[in-house]
C-alpha cells in the first residue's frame, strides 16, 4: 500500500483519509518554485471529499496556482 519511488517522483501512498491532497500541494509548490514542468497528482476516494484538510489543500492550490491535479474515485 505504501509504494514510493523517489526516482520517478512518487511520494508514496497515505493511509490517512484525505491525506494525499495536502502532500500533493506541497509537492506541486516545490515543482513551481524549482521551475520544473512536473505536475503533482493527488488520488483520493469520495470519503476524503468532506475532510477539512482536503478542502483546505484545494483552496491553497488555487490561491498559489500550483501545478496540481486531484483525481477523485467514487468508491
C-alpha atoms as a PDB file:
ATOM      1  CA  UNK A   1       0.000   0.000   0.000  1.00  0.00           C
ATOM      2  CA  UNK A   2       2.812   2.440   0.756  1.00  0.00           C
ATOM      3  CA  UNK A   3       4.671   2.279  -2.540  1.00  0.00           C
ATOM      4  CA  UNK A   4       7.193   5.040  -3.185  1.00  0.00           C
ATOM      5  CA  UNK A   5       9.762   5.626  -5.898  1.00  0.00           C
ATOM      6  CA  UNK A   6      11.604   8.888  -5.449  1.00  0.00           C
ATOM      7  CA  UNK A   7      13.461   8.495  -8.766  1.00  0.00           C
ATOM      8  CA  UNK A   8      10.085   8.642 -10.568  1.00  0.00           C
ATOM      9  CA  UNK A   9       8.668  11.316  -8.274  1.00  0.00           C
ATOM     10  CA  UNK A  10       6.226   9.022  -6.470  1.00  0.00           C
ATOM     11  CA  UNK A  11       5.999  10.161  -2.864  1.00  0.00           C
ATOM     12  CA  UNK A  12       4.014   7.094  -1.857  1.00  0.00           C
ATOM     13  CA  UNK A  13       0.569   6.321  -0.540  1.00  0.00           C
ATOM     14  CA  UNK A  14      -1.015   7.688   2.613  1.00  0.00           C
ATOM     15  CA  UNK A  15      -3.339   5.710   4.872  1.00  0.00           C
ATOM     16  CA  UNK A  16      -4.998   8.849   6.261  1.00  0.00           C
ATOM     17  CA  UNK A  17      -8.348   9.644   4.653  1.00  0.00           C
ATOM     18  CA  UNK A  18      -7.820  12.848   2.705  1.00  0.00           C
ATOM     19  CA  UNK A  19      -4.097  12.868   3.410  1.00  0.00           C
ATOM     20  CA  UNK A  20      -2.848  12.983  -0.164  1.00  0.00           C
ATOM     21  CA  UNK A  21      -4.120  16.431  -1.297  1.00  0.00           C
ATOM     22  CA  UNK A  22      -2.051  18.384   1.270  1.00  0.00           C
ATOM     23  CA  UNK A  23       1.046  16.373   0.335  1.00  0.00           C
ATOM     24  CA  UNK A  24       0.386  16.997  -3.349  1.00  0.00           C
ATOM     25  CA  UNK A  25       0.069  20.752  -2.766  1.00  0.00           C
ATOM     26  CA  UNK A  26       3.486  20.714  -1.102  1.00  0.00           C
ATOM     27  CA  UNK A  27       4.967  18.690  -3.942  1.00  0.00           C
ATOM     28  CA  UNK A  28       3.383  20.997  -6.527  1.00  0.00           C
ATOM     29  CA  UNK A  29       4.673  24.079  -4.738  1.00  0.00           C
ATOM     30  CA  UNK A  30       8.162  22.555  -4.765  1.00  0.00           C
ATOM     31  CA  UNK A  31       7.889  21.982  -8.526  1.00  0.00           C
ATOM     32  CA  UNK A  32       6.666  25.530  -9.055  1.00  0.00           C
ATOM     33  CA  UNK A  33       9.467  27.071  -7.004  1.00  0.00           C
ATOM     34  CA  UNK A  34      12.177  24.975  -8.660  1.00  0.00           C
ATOM     35  CA  UNK A  35      10.858  25.765 -12.135  1.00  0.00           C
ATOM     36  CA  UNK A  36      10.296  22.219 -13.378  1.00  0.00           C
ATOM     37  CA  UNK A  37       7.497  21.156 -15.712  1.00  0.00           C
ATOM     38  CA  UNK A  38       6.223  18.391 -13.404  1.00  0.00           C
ATOM     39  CA  UNK A  39       2.653  18.189 -12.100  1.00  0.00           C
ATOM     40  CA  UNK A  40       1.630  16.779  -8.716  1.00  0.00           C
ATOM     41  CA  UNK A  41      -1.351  14.407  -8.676  1.00  0.00           C
ATOM     42  CA  UNK A  42      -3.452  13.513  -5.639  1.00  0.00           C
ATOM     43  CA  UNK A  43      -5.620  10.402  -5.697  1.00  0.00           C
ATOM     44  CA  UNK A  44      -8.411  10.027  -3.155  1.00  0.00           C
ATOM     45  CA  UNK A  45     -11.779   8.395  -2.699  1.00  0.00           C
ATOM     46  CA  UNK A  46     -15.125  10.093  -2.231  1.00  0.00           C
ATOM     47  CA  UNK A  47     -14.781   9.703   1.548  1.00  0.00           C
ATOM     48  CA  UNK A  48     -11.999  12.275   1.506  1.00  0.00           C
ATOM     49  CA  UNK A  49     -14.139  14.951  -0.121  1.00  0.00           C
ATOM     50  CA  UNK A  50     -15.679  16.051   3.190  1.00  0.00           C
ATOM     51  CA  UNK A  51     -12.389  16.216   5.088  1.00  0.00           C
ATOM     52  CA  UNK A  52     -11.268  19.690   6.100  1.00  0.00           C
ATOM     53  CA  UNK A  53      -7.672  19.082   5.113  1.00  0.00           C
ATOM     54  CA  UNK A  54      -8.765  18.159   1.593  1.00  0.00           C
ATOM     55  CA  UNK A  55     -10.755  21.346   1.125  1.00  0.00           C
ATOM     56  CA  UNK A  56      -8.004  23.461   2.680  1.00  0.00           C
ATOM     57  CA  UNK A  57      -5.453  21.886   0.342  1.00  0.00           C
ATOM     58  CA  UNK A  58      -7.623  22.540  -2.714  1.00  0.00           C
ATOM     59  CA  UNK A  59      -8.092  26.163  -1.624  1.00  0.00           C
ATOM     60  CA  UNK A  60      -4.346  26.583  -1.134  1.00  0.00           C
ATOM     61  CA  UNK A  61      -3.633  25.007  -4.537  1.00  0.00           C
ATOM     62  CA  UNK A  62      -5.915  27.514  -6.250  1.00  0.00           C
ATOM     63  CA  UNK A  63      -4.576  30.514  -4.335  1.00  0.00           C
ATOM     64  CA  UNK A  64      -0.948  29.585  -5.038  1.00  0.00           C
ATOM     65  CA  UNK A  65      -1.781  28.437  -8.606  1.00  0.00           C
ATOM     66  CA  UNK A  66       0.398  25.343  -8.260  1.00  0.00           C
ATOM     67  CA  UNK A  67       0.659  22.639 -10.967  1.00  0.00           C
ATOM     68  CA  UNK A  68      -1.588  20.032  -9.367  1.00  0.00           C
ATOM     69  CA  UNK A  69      -4.411  17.701 -10.354  1.00  0.00           C
ATOM     70  CA  UNK A  70      -6.766  15.903  -7.973  1.00  0.00           C
ATOM     71  CA  UNK A  71      -8.342  12.633  -9.054  1.00  0.00           C
ATOM     72  CA  UNK A  72     -11.416  11.603  -7.090  1.00  0.00           C
ATOM     73  CA  UNK A  73     -12.581   7.989  -7.275  1.00  0.00           C
ATOM     74  CA  UNK A  74     -16.195   7.282  -6.436  1.00  0.00           C
ATOM     75  CA  UNK A  75     -15.961   4.121  -4.399  1.00  0.00           C
END
